[in-house]
Protein backbone atom coordinates (compact mmCIF):
# COMPACT_ATOMS: atom_id res chain seq x y z
CA MET A 1 92.14 117.03 93.92
CA ILE A 2 95.82 115.83 94.91
CA ASP A 3 98.26 115.12 91.76
CA HIS A 4 100.48 113.31 93.76
CA VAL A 5 102.82 113.63 96.96
CA SER A 6 106.76 113.56 98.68
CA ILE A 7 108.40 112.54 101.54
CA ALA A 8 111.17 112.89 102.26
CA VAL A 9 113.82 109.73 103.50
CA ARG A 10 116.70 109.60 104.74
CA ASP A 11 118.08 106.53 103.17
CA LEU A 12 116.83 106.90 99.17
CA ARG A 13 117.80 103.15 98.25
CA ALA A 14 116.69 101.80 101.71
CA SER A 15 113.52 103.79 101.19
CA ARG A 16 113.48 102.54 97.84
CA ASP A 17 113.31 98.94 98.30
CA ALA A 18 111.41 99.09 101.30
CA TYR A 19 108.25 100.92 99.82
CA GLU A 20 108.64 98.61 96.38
CA ALA A 21 107.34 95.84 98.75
CA ILE A 22 104.51 97.45 100.64
CA LEU A 23 103.19 99.46 98.24
CA ALA A 24 102.97 96.13 95.60
CA PRO A 25 99.91 95.32 97.37
CA LEU A 26 98.52 99.09 96.10
CA GLY A 27 99.05 98.34 92.61
CA LEU A 28 102.22 101.48 92.27
CA ARG A 29 105.46 100.56 91.01
CA ILE A 30 108.56 102.15 90.43
CA LEU A 31 108.12 105.08 87.20
CA VAL A 32 110.81 107.38 87.97
CA ASP A 33 114.35 106.24 89.52
CA ARG A 34 116.37 108.32 89.39
CA PRO A 35 119.99 109.39 92.40
CA ARG A 36 117.95 111.31 94.71
CA THR A 37 113.73 110.72 94.10
CA VAL A 38 111.99 107.84 93.56
CA GLY A 39 108.16 108.23 91.90
CA PHE A 40 105.70 104.95 92.18
CA GLY A 41 102.13 104.90 90.67
CA LYS A 42 100.45 103.44 88.48
CA THR A 43 100.10 105.26 84.66
CA TYR A 44 101.82 107.60 85.92
CA PRO A 45 103.82 108.92 89.28
CA GLU A 46 102.05 109.54 92.47
CA PHE A 47 104.06 109.39 95.15
CA TRP A 48 107.08 109.58 95.00
CA LEU A 49 110.71 109.78 98.00
CA ASN A 50 113.07 112.18 97.71
CA LEU A 51 116.14 112.72 99.65
CA ARG A 52 117.35 114.83 102.36
CA GLU A 53 120.44 112.98 104.04
CA ALA A 54 120.15 116.32 106.60
CA LEU A 55 117.10 115.40 107.70
CA GLN A 56 116.87 114.64 111.58
CA PRO A 57 114.27 111.43 113.28
CA ALA A 58 111.42 112.08 114.40
CA THR A 59 110.35 111.12 117.26
CA GLY A 60 106.74 110.61 118.51
CA ASP A 61 103.44 110.78 116.65
CA PRO A 62 104.78 113.31 113.26
CA GLY A 63 101.36 115.08 113.39
CA THR A 64 101.00 114.53 109.46
CA HIS A 65 99.89 111.26 107.77
CA ILE A 66 98.81 110.62 103.43
CA CYS A 67 96.18 108.28 103.47
CA LEU A 68 96.68 105.84 99.86
CA ARG A 69 93.59 103.86 98.23
CA ALA A 70 93.90 100.57 98.32
CA ARG A 71 91.45 97.88 96.12
CA SER A 72 90.15 95.63 99.16
CA GLU A 73 90.70 94.44 103.16
CA ASP A 74 93.28 92.24 101.23
CA ALA A 75 95.05 94.50 100.23
CA VAL A 76 95.02 96.72 103.35
CA ARG A 77 96.43 93.95 104.88
CA ALA A 78 98.71 93.66 102.82
CA PHE A 79 99.95 96.96 102.66
CA HIS A 80 100.49 96.22 106.77
CA GLU A 81 101.63 93.45 106.34
CA ALA A 82 105.15 94.69 104.46
CA ALA A 83 106.16 97.09 106.16
CA LEU A 84 106.03 95.30 108.81
CA ALA A 85 108.33 93.04 107.11
CA ARG A 86 110.26 95.62 105.78
CA GLY A 87 111.25 97.19 109.47
CA CYS A 88 108.21 100.02 109.62
CA ALA A 89 105.57 100.57 112.57
CA SER A 90 102.24 99.54 112.82
CA GLY A 91 100.54 103.15 113.77
CA GLY A 92 97.73 101.83 113.84
CA ASP A 93 96.54 97.48 112.56
CA PRO A 94 94.34 96.76 109.52
CA GLY A 95 90.81 97.14 110.56
CA PRO A 96 87.19 98.94 110.44
CA ARG A 97 87.37 102.42 111.69
CA GLN A 98 84.27 104.97 111.48
CA GLY A 99 85.82 107.68 109.50
CA GLU A 100 84.24 111.87 109.45
CA MET A 101 81.26 110.94 106.31
CA THR A 102 81.91 106.98 106.15
CA GLY A 103 82.87 103.41 108.28
CA TYR A 104 86.33 102.04 105.78
CA TYR A 105 88.68 99.68 106.31
CA GLY A 106 92.36 101.18 107.18
CA ALA A 107 96.01 100.60 108.47
CA PHE A 108 98.63 102.09 109.90
CA ILE A 109 102.29 102.66 109.38
CA LEU A 110 105.54 104.59 110.69
CA ASP A 111 108.20 104.08 108.62
CA ALA A 112 111.95 104.08 108.62
CA ASP A 113 112.15 108.13 108.68
CA GLN A 114 108.62 108.39 110.52
CA ASN A 115 106.15 109.68 108.13
CA LYS A 116 103.33 107.66 108.47
CA ILE A 117 100.92 106.31 105.85
CA GLU A 118 97.59 105.60 105.79
CA VAL A 119 95.31 102.80 103.72
CA ALA A 120 91.59 102.72 103.70
CA THR A 121 89.56 100.88 101.53
CA PHE A 122 85.64 101.97 101.25
CA PRO A 123 82.62 99.62 100.74
CA PRO A 124 80.31 100.45 98.00
CA LYS A 125 77.44 102.79 97.83
CA ASP A 126 74.80 101.23 97.89
């Protein structure tokens, strides 16, 4: 249903460099790199960073988040570790969680602009 998502960042170069490492465990790489936007994906841009110099730093929980799929629990952990190594805050350490319809394994981060990104992997259906 959703084709792509965009998040606003105050420092595009720093965010680009951070997300390049953070999204690598999910198989996402830079596909578009322009002066005011960077698009990550596997075959087409699915996750965009958009420069917004006037963006005011958020405080506390932003109230929204984006969840990306991971292929494995190892990829969830690698995503979280890469984010913390690049200055992001943990919004929830990797571990099992109970969703509305099923259990899953996930982790949350808050980037430098307080964008809340979750990564999740779901157990195979029996």
